[in-house]
Amino acid sequence: MKKFTAEIPEDKFEIFLVEFNGYGVEIVGRNNDNVKFAVYSEKGQGEAFKEALLEIFNDLGSGKIIKEEKIEEKPWDEIWKEDFPPIEVKPFLIIPEWDVYKGKEFIPIKIKIGMSFGTGLHPTTQIVLSLLPKYIKEEYSVLDIGCGTGILGIAASKLGAKKVFTIDIDERAIEECQINAWENEVELSCQVSNIDEIDEKYDVVLANLQIDIFEKYFNKIANLFEKYLIISGIFKKEKEKILKMAQENNLKLIEEASKPEINKPEDLWYGFVFKKQDKAAE
């Protein structure tokens, strides 16, 4: 197996992910408007994988491989058992599928090993998880846009939401979401769908997305919720952009939360809770 560490301008990263056709990407860091990331080739496919990577960079006119290295292969499930300790995000405890939590302090969320669309480790996911208990009520309906492994939808369901609808544009993400819903014994409606295809309104909408997706769809997202819009995925330099979008859509900010990148206290990620502006206050 080979590991390729690469770098690409942030404004080209989303396009790269689409062109890369859904392969897993590990974000290593962000600096100077660039995203540094790692990708892994299967055994014996290193050169072909490298050529495909370089071809995408060539098509985009940006991006470069900055490091190439061989890495020792281990059984995937063993790697997860070594590298997946329980993650505490009160009131939730994210644990691997083989673990059993018998305590009463946390609400456990099980994640099946091998998942590639989020394990709950990223600050943006943890921000939303920490906000949910305050804004999810038993009678509420919830929409999770860009659900990945379904962690946020599972959390909302475990808090008692009566209906949870999760969407993602990637079929594999939806498959993982369905598996994890089953592992956690909750009912989620997991569907491959684009934001444009959603017309029904929900009490609470969750959107942990990249800024360029918000730039394209914020107006639509702002019309899908009745009570609260909880968003995250916002890096520190993007904060003013998202607040301006909310203001333009007549939304009122009621809570803001932030959390740093692991081992990078200066790299803050943000989450926000909005509600519709009181017409009497307009």
C-alpha atoms as a PDB file:
ATOM      1  CA  MET A   1       0.000   0.000   0.000  1.00  0.00           C
ATOM      2  CA  LYS A   2       1.197   3.534  -0.767  1.00  0.00           C
ATOM      3  CA  LYS A   3       0.347   6.806   0.888  1.00  0.00           C
ATOM      4  CA  PHE A   4       0.381   9.966  -1.212  1.00  0.00           C
ATOM      5  CA  THR A   5       0.370  13.312   0.579  1.00  0.00           C
ATOM      6  CA  ALA A   6      -0.777  16.134  -1.672  1.00  0.00           C
ATOM      7  CA  GLU A   7      -1.737  19.782  -1.604  1.00  0.00           C
ATOM      8  CA  ILE A   8      -4.312  21.769  -3.563  1.00  0.00           C
ATOM      9  CA  PRO A   9      -5.844  25.275  -3.318  1.00  0.00           C
ATOM     10  CA  GLU A  10      -8.912  25.242  -1.079  1.00  0.00           C
ATOM     11  CA  ASP A  11     -11.180  26.604  -3.823  1.00  0.00           C
ATOM     12  CA  LYS A  12     -10.329  23.565  -5.996  1.00  0.00           C
ATOM     13  CA  PHE A  13     -10.611  20.940  -3.247  1.00  0.00           C
ATOM     14  CA  GLU A  14     -14.326  20.226  -3.627  1.00  0.00           C
ATOM     15  CA  ILE A  15     -13.948  19.840  -7.414  1.00  0.00           C
ATOM     16  CA  PHE A  16     -11.030  17.498  -6.788  1.00  0.00           C
ATOM     17  CA  LEU A  17     -13.187  15.330  -4.502  1.00  0.00           C
ATOM     18  CA  VAL A  18     -15.813  15.012  -7.230  1.00  0.00           C
ATOM     19  CA  GLU A  19     -13.214  14.141  -9.854  1.00  0.00           C
ATOM     20  CA  PHE A  20     -11.577  11.685  -7.453  1.00  0.00           C
ATOM     21  CA  ASN A  21     -14.827   9.767  -7.610  1.00  0.00           C
ATOM     22  CA  GLY A  22     -15.572   9.160  -3.960  1.00  0.00           C
ATOM     23  CA  TYR A  23     -12.247   7.656  -2.811  1.00  0.00           C
ATOM     24  CA  GLY A  24     -11.469   8.332   0.840  1.00  0.00           C
ATOM     25  CA  VAL A  25      -9.389  11.420   1.615  1.00  0.00           C
ATOM     26  CA  GLU A  26      -7.659  12.186   4.912  1.00  0.00           C
ATOM     27  CA  ILE A  27      -7.311  15.940   5.512  1.00  0.00           C
ATOM     28  CA  VAL A  28      -3.908  16.590   7.074  1.00  0.00           C
ATOM     29  CA  GLY A  29      -4.106  20.366   7.453  1.00  0.00           C
ATOM     30  CA  ARG A  30      -5.059  23.739   5.998  1.00  0.00           C
ATOM     31  CA  ASN A  31      -2.797  26.754   5.551  1.00  0.00           C
ATOM     32  CA  ASN A  32      -2.338  29.687   3.184  1.00  0.00           C
ATOM     33  CA  ASP A  33      -5.637  28.872   1.433  1.00  0.00           C
ATOM     34  CA  ASN A  34      -4.399  25.347   0.639  1.00  0.00           C
ATOM     35  CA  VAL A  35      -5.682  21.963   1.762  1.00  0.00           C
ATOM     36  CA  LYS A  36      -3.087  19.311   2.564  1.00  0.00           C
ATOM     37  CA  PHE A  37      -4.440  15.766   2.382  1.00  0.00           C
ATOM     38  CA  ALA A  38      -3.454  12.104   2.119  1.00  0.00           C
ATOM     39  CA  VAL A  39      -4.840   9.324  -0.088  1.00  0.00           C
ATOM     40  CA  TYR A  40      -4.012   5.615  -0.097  1.00  0.00           C
ATOM     41  CA  SER A  41      -3.609   3.166  -2.974  1.00  0.00           C
ATOM     42  CA  GLU A  42      -4.312  -0.551  -2.805  1.00  0.00           C
ATOM     43  CA  LYS A  43      -1.441  -3.021  -2.948  1.00  0.00           C
ATOM     44  CA  GLY A  44       0.098  -3.193  -6.438  1.00  0.00           C
ATOM     45  CA  GLN A  45      -1.841  -0.168  -7.719  1.00  0.00           C
ATOM     46  CA  GLY A  46       0.514   2.580  -6.609  1.00  0.00           C
ATOM     47  CA  GLU A  47       1.683   3.794 -10.021  1.00  0.00           C
ATOM     48  CA  ALA A  48      -1.757   3.710 -11.628  1.00  0.00           C
ATOM     49  CA  PHE A  49      -3.174   5.498  -8.599  1.00  0.00           C
ATOM     50  CA  LYS A  50      -0.456   8.145  -8.814  1.00  0.00           C
ATOM     51  CA  GLU A  51      -1.066   8.698 -12.529  1.00  0.00           C
ATOM     52  CA  ALA A  52      -4.799   9.154 -11.917  1.00  0.00           C
ATOM     53  CA  LEU A  53      -4.060  11.657  -9.165  1.00  0.00           C
ATOM     54  CA  LEU A  54      -1.671  13.651 -11.359  1.00  0.00           C
ATOM     55  CA  GLU A  55      -4.148  13.614 -14.236  1.00  0.00           C
ATOM     56  CA  ILE A  56      -6.812  15.245 -12.042  1.00  0.00           C
ATOM     57  CA  PHE A  57      -4.320  17.876 -10.897  1.00  0.00           C
ATOM     58  CA  ASN A  58      -3.438  18.546 -14.527  1.00  0.00           C
ATOM     59  CA  ASP A  59      -7.106  18.925 -15.496  1.00  0.00           C
ATOM     60  CA  LEU A  60      -7.699  21.354 -12.622  1.00  0.00           C
ATOM     61  CA  GLY A  61      -4.490  23.275 -13.295  1.00  0.00           C
ATOM     62  CA  SER A  62      -3.655  22.994  -9.589  1.00  0.00           C
ATOM     63  CA  GLY A  63      -2.430  20.508  -7.026  1.00  0.00           C
ATOM     64  CA  LYS A  64       0.751  18.557  -6.419  1.00  0.00           C
ATOM     65  CA  ILE A  65       2.035  15.457  -4.681  1.00  0.00           C
ATOM     66  CA  ILE A  66       4.432  16.505  -1.939  1.00  0.00           C
ATOM     67  CA  LYS A  67       5.251  13.111  -0.461  1.00  0.00           C
ATOM     68  CA  GLU A  68       5.031   9.463  -1.496  1.00  0.00           C
ATOM     69  CA  GLU A  69       5.690   6.589   0.897  1.00  0.00           C
ATOM     70  CA  LYS A  70       5.077   2.891   1.388  1.00  0.00           C
ATOM     71  CA  ILE A  71       3.168   1.944   4.502  1.00  0.00           C
ATOM     72  CA  GLU A  72       2.822  -1.343   6.287  1.00  0.00           C
ATOM     73  CA  GLU A  73      -0.477  -3.078   5.646  1.00  0.00           C
ATOM     74  CA  LYS A  74      -2.482  -4.324   8.617  1.00  0.00           C
ATOM     75  CA  PRO A  75      -5.873  -5.950   8.860  1.00  0.00           C
ATOM     76  CA  TRP A  76      -8.343  -3.047   8.644  1.00  0.00           C
ATOM     77  CA  ASP A  77     -10.392  -4.134  11.634  1.00  0.00           C
ATOM     78  CA  GLU A  78      -7.282  -4.348  13.789  1.00  0.00           C
ATOM     79  CA  ILE A  79      -6.256  -0.824  12.788  1.00  0.00           C
ATOM     80  CA  TRP A  80      -9.651   0.455  13.874  1.00  0.00           C
ATOM     81  CA  LYS A  81      -9.438  -1.342  17.191  1.00  0.00           C
ATOM     82  CA  GLU A  82      -6.080   0.300  17.833  1.00  0.00           C
ATOM     83  CA  ASP A  83      -7.036   3.779  16.633  1.00  0.00           C
ATOM     84  CA  PHE A  84     -10.676   4.142  17.620  1.00  0.00           C
ATOM     85  CA  PRO A  85     -10.993   4.848  21.346  1.00  0.00           C
ATOM     86  CA  PRO A  86     -14.409   6.043  22.559  1.00  0.00           C
ATOM     87  CA  ILE A  87     -15.072   9.693  21.707  1.00  0.00           C
ATOM     88  CA  GLU A  88     -16.867  11.742  24.358  1.00  0.00           C
ATOM     89  CA  VAL A  89     -19.101  14.562  23.141  1.00  0.00           C
ATOM     90  CA  LYS A  90     -21.546  15.020  25.983  1.00  0.00           C
ATOM     91  CA  PRO A  91     -24.140  13.711  26.222  1.00  0.00           C
ATOM     92  CA  PHE A  92     -22.961  11.262  23.538  1.00  0.00           C
ATOM     93  CA  LEU A  93     -20.268   8.588  23.512  1.00  0.00           C
ATOM     94  CA  ILE A  94     -19.177   7.409  20.062  1.00  0.00           C
ATOM     95  CA  ILE A  95     -17.948   3.822  20.199  1.00  0.00           C
ATOM     96  CA  PRO A  96     -16.970   1.165  17.617  1.00  0.00           C
ATOM     97  CA  GLU A  97     -19.514  -1.527  16.792  1.00  0.00           C
ATOM     98  CA  TRP A  98     -17.777  -4.203  18.892  1.00  0.00           C
ATOM     99  CA  ASP A  99     -17.904  -2.107  22.065  1.00  0.00           C
ATOM    100  CA  VAL A 100     -20.690  -2.237  24.647  1.00  0.00           C
ATOM    101  CA  TYR A 101     -21.583   0.695  26.878  1.00  0.00           C
ATOM    102  CA  LYS A 102     -23.564  -0.179  29.995  1.00  0.00           C
ATOM    103  CA  GLY A 103     -23.276   3.110  31.846  1.00  0.00           C
ATOM    104  CA  LYS A 104     -25.911   5.811  32.185  1.00  0.00           C
ATOM    105  CA  GLU A 105     -23.799   8.964  31.905  1.00  0.00           C
ATOM    106  CA  PHE A 106     -23.687   8.965  28.080  1.00  0.00           C
ATOM    107  CA  ILE A 107     -25.930   8.169  25.129  1.00  0.00           C
ATOM    108  CA  PRO A 108     -23.897   5.665  23.048  1.00  0.00           C
ATOM    109  CA  ILE A 109     -23.619   5.925  19.260  1.00  0.00           C
ATOM    110  CA  LYS A 110     -22.100   2.880  17.587  1.00  0.00           C
ATOM    111  CA  ILE A 111     -20.083   3.209  14.373  1.00  0.00           C
ATOM    112  CA  LYS A 112     -19.374   0.144  12.245  1.00  0.00           C
ATOM    113  CA  ILE A 113     -15.684  -0.427  11.474  1.00  0.00           C
ATOM    114  CA  GLY A 114     -14.481   0.451   7.989  1.00  0.00           C
ATOM    115  CA  MET A 115     -16.714   3.491   7.595  1.00  0.00           C
ATOM    116  CA  SER A 116     -15.188   6.182   5.370  1.00  0.00           C
ATOM    117  CA  PHE A 117     -17.571   9.139   5.746  1.00  0.00           C
ATOM    118  CA  GLY A 118     -16.901  10.303   9.282  1.00  0.00           C
ATOM    119  CA  THR A 119     -16.281   8.795  12.715  1.00  0.00           C
ATOM    120  CA  GLY A 120     -17.210  11.771  14.881  1.00  0.00           C
ATOM    121  CA  LEU A 121     -13.600  12.794  15.414  1.00  0.00           C
ATOM    122  CA  HIS A 122     -13.753  16.051  13.424  1.00  0.00           C
ATOM    123  CA  PRO A 123     -14.491  19.256  15.393  1.00  0.00           C
ATOM    124  CA  THR A 124     -17.436  20.205  13.146  1.00  0.00           C
ATOM    125  CA  THR A 125     -19.283  16.953  13.889  1.00  0.00           C
ATOM    126  CA  GLN A 126     -18.604  17.344  17.599  1.00  0.00           C
ATOM    127  CA  ILE A 127     -19.900  20.916  17.561  1.00  0.00           C
ATOM    128  CA  VAL A 128     -23.261  19.816  16.151  1.00  0.00           C
ATOM    129  CA  LEU A 129     -23.486  16.877  18.557  1.00  0.00           C
ATOM    130  CA  SER A 130     -22.950  19.214  21.497  1.00  0.00           C
ATOM    131  CA  LEU A 131     -25.714  21.547  20.274  1.00  0.00           C
ATOM    132  CA  LEU A 132     -28.370  18.933  19.548  1.00  0.00           C
ATOM    133  CA  PRO A 133     -29.697  18.246  23.087  1.00  0.00           C
ATOM    134  CA  LYS A 134     -30.789  21.863  23.454  1.00  0.00           C
ATOM    135  CA  TYR A 135     -32.714  22.027  20.190  1.00  0.00           C
ATOM    136  CA  ILE A 136     -34.144  18.567  19.518  1.00  0.00           C
ATOM    137  CA  LYS A 137     -37.547  17.831  21.049  1.00  0.00           C
ATOM    138  CA  GLU A 138     -39.477  14.558  20.984  1.00  0.00           C
ATOM    139  CA  GLU A 139     -42.168  15.886  18.644  1.00  0.00           C
ATOM    140  CA  TYR A 140     -39.688  17.377  16.143  1.00  0.00           C
ATOM    141  CA  SER A 141     -38.897  16.242  12.622  1.00  0.00           C
ATOM    142  CA  VAL A 142     -35.232  16.499  11.565  1.00  0.00           C
ATOM    143  CA  LEU A 143     -33.422  16.713   8.219  1.00  0.00           C
ATOM    144  CA  ASP A 144     -29.662  15.993   8.073  1.00  0.00           C
ATOM    145  CA  ILE A 145     -28.112  17.300   4.844  1.00  0.00           C
ATOM    146  CA  GLY A 146     -24.841  15.589   3.873  1.00  0.00           C
ATOM    147  CA  CYS A 147     -25.294  12.866   6.484  1.00  0.00           C
ATOM    148  CA  GLY A 148     -22.161  10.778   5.823  1.00  0.00           C
ATOM    149  CA  THR A 149     -22.192   7.869   8.281  1.00  0.00           C
ATOM    150  CA  GLY A 150     -25.385   9.206   9.856  1.00  0.00           C
ATOM    151  CA  ILE A 151     -23.950  10.157  13.259  1.00  0.00           C
ATOM    152  CA  LEU A 152     -25.988  13.354  13.564  1.00  0.00           C
ATOM    153  CA  GLY A 153     -29.222  11.710  12.457  1.00  0.00           C
ATOM    154  CA  ILE A 154     -28.668   8.839  14.896  1.00  0.00           C
ATOM    155  CA  ALA A 155     -28.023  11.345  17.697  1.00  0.00           C
ATOM    156  CA  ALA A 156     -31.239  13.232  16.879  1.00  0.00           C
ATOM    157  CA  SER A 157     -33.204   9.990  16.857  1.00  0.00           C
ATOM    158  CA  LYS A 158     -31.756   8.927  20.210  1.00  0.00           C
ATOM    159  CA  LEU A 159     -32.833  12.291  21.627  1.00  0.00           C
ATOM    160  CA  GLY A 160     -36.385  11.377  20.677  1.00  0.00           C
ATOM    161  CA  ALA A 161     -37.001  13.125  17.340  1.00  0.00           C
ATOM    162  CA  LYS A 162     -40.156  11.597  15.855  1.00  0.00           C
ATOM    163  CA  LYS A 163     -38.899  11.619  12.249  1.00  0.00           C
ATOM    164  CA  VAL A 164     -35.311  11.809  10.967  1.00  0.00           C
ATOM    165  CA  PHE A 165     -34.584  12.114   7.238  1.00  0.00           C
ATOM    166  CA  THR A 166     -30.923  11.936   6.149  1.00  0.00           C
ATOM    167  CA  ILE A 167     -29.602  12.701   2.666  1.00  0.00           C
ATOM    168  CA  ASP A 168     -26.256  12.541   0.899  1.00  0.00           C
ATOM    169  CA  ILE A 169     -25.224  12.642  -2.752  1.00  0.00           C
ATOM    170  CA  ASP A 170     -22.933   9.620  -2.322  1.00  0.00           C
ATOM    171  CA  GLU A 171     -24.528   6.160  -2.464  1.00  0.00           C
ATOM    172  CA  ARG A 172     -21.821   4.628  -0.266  1.00  0.00           C
ATOM    173  CA  ALA A 173     -22.460   7.229   2.426  1.00  0.00           C
ATOM    174  CA  ILE A 174     -26.144   6.299   2.438  1.00  0.00           C
ATOM    175  CA  GLU A 175     -25.261   2.607   2.672  1.00  0.00           C
ATOM    176  CA  GLU A 176     -23.071   3.374   5.690  1.00  0.00           C
ATOM    177  CA  CYS A 177     -25.812   5.522   7.216  1.00  0.00           C
ATOM    178  CA  GLN A 178     -28.283   2.626   6.927  1.00  0.00           C
ATOM    179  CA  ILE A 179     -25.795   0.183   8.483  1.00  0.00           C
ATOM    180  CA  ASN A 180     -25.121   2.489  11.406  1.00  0.00           C
ATOM    181  CA  ALA A 181     -28.840   3.135  11.952  1.00  0.00           C
ATOM    182  CA  TRP A 182     -29.295  -0.626  12.225  1.00  0.00           C
ATOM    183  CA  GLU A 183     -26.312  -0.921  14.608  1.00  0.00           C
ATOM    184  CA  ASN A 184     -27.907   1.717  16.853  1.00  0.00           C
ATOM    185  CA  GLU A 185     -31.431   0.309  16.614  1.00  0.00           C
ATOM    186  CA  VAL A 186     -32.943   3.588  15.393  1.00  0.00           C
ATOM    187  CA  GLU A 187     -35.140   4.359  12.411  1.00  0.00           C
ATOM    188  CA  LEU A 188     -33.656   6.760   9.872  1.00  0.00           C
ATOM    189  CA  SER A 189     -34.901   7.471   6.382  1.00  0.00           C
ATOM    190  CA  CYS A 190     -31.583   7.444   4.480  1.00  0.00           C
ATOM    191  CA  GLN A 191     -31.758   8.592   0.866  1.00  0.00           C
ATOM    192  CA  VAL A 192     -29.425   9.500  -1.988  1.00  0.00           C
ATOM    193  CA  SER A 193     -30.594  13.007  -2.795  1.00  0.00           C
ATOM    194  CA  ASN A 194     -29.493  16.516  -3.687  1.00  0.00           C
ATOM    195  CA  ILE A 195     -30.604  19.553  -1.689  1.00  0.00           C
ATOM    196  CA  ASP A 196     -32.566  20.796  -4.718  1.00  0.00           C
ATOM    197  CA  GLU A 197     -34.758  17.684  -4.562  1.00  0.00           C
ATOM    198  CA  ILE A 198     -36.032  18.366  -1.030  1.00  0.00           C
ATOM    199  CA  ASP A 199     -39.304  20.275  -0.765  1.00  0.00           C
ATOM    200  CA  GLU A 200     -40.755  19.164   2.574  1.00  0.00           C
ATOM    201  CA  LYS A 201     -40.067  21.368   5.590  1.00  0.00           C
ATOM    202  CA  TYR A 202     -38.666  20.058   8.887  1.00  0.00           C
ATOM    203  CA  ASP A 203     -38.640  21.420  12.407  1.00  0.00           C
ATOM    204  CA  VAL A 204     -34.838  21.225  12.579  1.00  0.00           C
ATOM    205  CA  VAL A 205     -32.344  21.101   9.715  1.00  0.00           C
ATOM    206  CA  LEU A 206     -28.749  19.971  10.294  1.00  0.00           C
ATOM    207  CA  ALA A 207     -26.116  20.922   7.728  1.00  0.00           C
ATOM    208  CA  ASN A 208     -22.457  20.139   8.414  1.00  0.00           C
ATOM    209  CA  LEU A 209     -21.116  21.161   4.997  1.00  0.00           C
ATOM    210  CA  GLN A 210     -18.277  22.976   3.265  1.00  0.00           C
ATOM    211  CA  ILE A 211     -18.561  26.703   2.652  1.00  0.00           C
ATOM    212  CA  ASP A 212     -18.823  26.394  -1.141  1.00  0.00           C
ATOM    213  CA  ILE A 213     -21.930  24.221  -0.742  1.00  0.00           C
ATOM    214  CA  PHE A 214     -23.476  26.838   1.543  1.00  0.00           C
ATOM    215  CA  GLU A 215     -22.632  29.505  -1.035  1.00  0.00           C
ATOM    216  CA  LYS A 216     -24.594  27.564  -3.623  1.00  0.00           C
ATOM    217  CA  TYR A 217     -27.514  26.299  -1.532  1.00  0.00           C
ATOM    218  CA  PHE A 218     -27.928  28.506   1.539  1.00  0.00           C
ATOM    219  CA  ASN A 219     -31.111  30.169   0.267  1.00  0.00           C
ATOM    220  CA  LYS A 220     -32.672  26.748  -0.306  1.00  0.00           C
ATOM    221  CA  ILE A 221     -31.527  25.366   3.060  1.00  0.00           C
ATOM    222  CA  ALA A 222     -32.906  28.435   4.846  1.00  0.00           C
ATOM    223  CA  ASN A 223     -36.377  27.601   3.518  1.00  0.00           C
ATOM    224  CA  LEU A 224     -36.388  23.983   4.704  1.00  0.00           C
ATOM    225  CA  PHE A 225     -36.654  24.520   8.462  1.00  0.00           C
ATOM    226  CA  GLU A 226     -39.454  25.716  10.732  1.00  0.00           C
ATOM    227  CA  LYS A 227     -37.776  26.078  14.137  1.00  0.00           C
ATOM    228  CA  TYR A 228     -33.974  25.761  14.045  1.00  0.00           C
ATOM    229  CA  LEU A 229     -31.161  25.566  11.511  1.00  0.00           C
ATOM    230  CA  ILE A 230     -27.958  24.088  12.946  1.00  0.00           C
ATOM    231  CA  ILE A 231     -24.950  24.383  10.673  1.00  0.00           C
ATOM    232  CA  SER A 232     -21.240  23.654  10.916  1.00  0.00           C
ATOM    233  CA  GLY A 233     -18.257  22.958   8.673  1.00  0.00           C
ATOM    234  CA  ILE A 234     -17.244  26.620   8.840  1.00  0.00           C
ATOM    235  CA  PHE A 235     -13.520  27.355   9.152  1.00  0.00           C
ATOM    236  CA  LYS A 236     -12.491  30.518  11.006  1.00  0.00           C
ATOM    237  CA  LYS A 237     -11.936  32.679   7.922  1.00  0.00           C
ATOM    238  CA  GLU A 238     -15.383  31.736   6.573  1.00  0.00           C
ATOM    239  CA  LYS A 239     -17.346  32.903   9.616  1.00  0.00           C
ATOM    240  CA  GLU A 240     -18.320  36.310   8.276  1.00  0.00           C
ATOM    241  CA  LYS A 241     -19.479  34.796   4.974  1.00  0.00           C
ATOM    242  CA  ILE A 242     -21.947  32.471   6.641  1.00  0.00           C
ATOM    243  CA  LEU A 243     -23.261  35.168   8.983  1.00  0.00           C
ATOM    244  CA  LYS A 244     -23.863  37.429   5.993  1.00  0.00           C
ATOM    245  CA  MET A 245     -25.769  34.646   4.200  1.00  0.00           C
ATOM    246  CA  ALA A 246     -27.936  34.184   7.272  1.00  0.00           C
ATOM    247  CA  GLN A 247     -28.640  37.894   7.527  1.00  0.00           C
ATOM    248  CA  GLU A 248     -29.598  38.045   3.851  1.00  0.00           C
ATOM    249  CA  ASN A 249     -32.093  35.239   4.498  1.00  0.00           C
ATOM    250  CA  ASN A 250     -33.605  37.043   7.493  1.00  0.00           C
ATOM    251  CA  LEU A 251     -32.276  34.522  10.030  1.00  0.00           C
ATOM    252  CA  LYS A 252     -31.416  35.345  13.624  1.00  0.00           C
ATOM    253  CA  LEU A 253     -28.305  33.888  15.247  1.00  0.00           C
ATOM    254  CA  ILE A 254     -29.199  32.394  18.623  1.00  0.00           C
ATOM    255  CA  GLU A 255     -26.059  30.392  19.442  1.00  0.00           C
ATOM    256  CA  GLU A 256     -22.471  30.125  18.244  1.00  0.00           C
ATOM    257  CA  ALA A 257     -19.965  27.390  19.127  1.00  0.00           C
ATOM    258  CA  SER A 258     -16.357  26.751  18.146  1.00  0.00           C
ATOM    259  CA  LYS A 259     -13.782  24.008  18.508  1.00  0.00           C
ATOM    260  CA  PRO A 260     -10.144  23.871  17.365  1.00  0.00           C
ATOM    261  CA  GLU A 261      -8.550  21.381  15.029  1.00  0.00           C
ATOM    262  CA  ILE A 262      -6.844  18.580  16.947  1.00  0.00           C
ATOM    263  CA  ASN A 263      -3.388  19.767  18.088  1.00  0.00           C
ATOM    264  CA  LYS A 264      -3.944  23.106  16.291  1.00  0.00           C
ATOM    265  CA  PRO A 265      -5.567  25.511  18.761  1.00  0.00           C
ATOM    266  CA  GLU A 266      -5.341  28.402  16.308  1.00  0.00           C
ATOM    267  CA  ASP A 267      -7.404  26.563  13.654  1.00  0.00           C
ATOM    268  CA  LEU A 268     -10.969  27.117  14.841  1.00  0.00           C
ATOM    269  CA  TRP A 269     -14.080  25.552  13.329  1.00  0.00           C
ATOM    270  CA  TYR A 270     -17.500  27.069  13.945  1.00  0.00           C
ATOM    271  CA  GLY A 271     -21.079  25.979  14.300  1.00  0.00           C
ATOM    272  CA  PHE A 272     -24.195  28.148  14.490  1.00  0.00           C
ATOM    273  CA  VAL A 273     -27.843  27.862  15.424  1.00  0.00           C
ATOM    274  CA  PHE A 274     -30.308  30.109  13.602  1.00  0.00           C
ATOM    275  CA  LYS A 275     -34.018  30.657  13.761  1.00  0.00           C
ATOM    276  CA  LYS A 276     -36.309  32.704  11.566  1.00  0.00           C
ATOM    277  CA  GLN A 277     -36.389  36.407  12.348  1.00  0.00           C
ATOM    278  CA  ASP A 278     -39.402  37.486  14.353  1.00  0.00           C
ATOM    279  CA  LYS A 279     -41.512  39.494  11.918  1.00  0.00           C
ATOM    280  CA  ALA A 280     -42.363  41.931  14.660  1.00  0.00           C
ATOM    281  CA  ALA A 281     -38.650  42.727  14.921  1.00  0.00           C
ATOM    282  CA  GLU A 282     -38.186  43.377  11.213  1.00  0.00           C
END
